[in-house]
Amino acid sequence: MIEIVAKVKSPIQAIEVFQLNAIDLLYLDIQMPTINGNQLLKTLPYQPITIFTTAYSEYAVEAFELGAIDYLVKPFFV
């Protein structure tokens, strides 16, 4: 079963969610206010399964080095 714990638009909100919840799966964008997705991932107390969904392919190598399991470049079609 999948339970959506939160949908946030800022890295600060995401950090707060991680402080209050055990998150297993994270969909993450690169471009966000103040810090990018890779920087956010580095600040988390533990690393959930992470899938990036972004329009910026140039950050993919670093994302995989941080343990991301996938990196979807927009636009993508399902």
Foldseek 3Di string as FASTA:
>chain_A
DDDDQDDDQALVVVQVSLVVDDDAEEEAEQDGPPHGRLVSQVPHPDHHAYEYEYQDPVCVVSCVVSPHPYYHHPPDDD
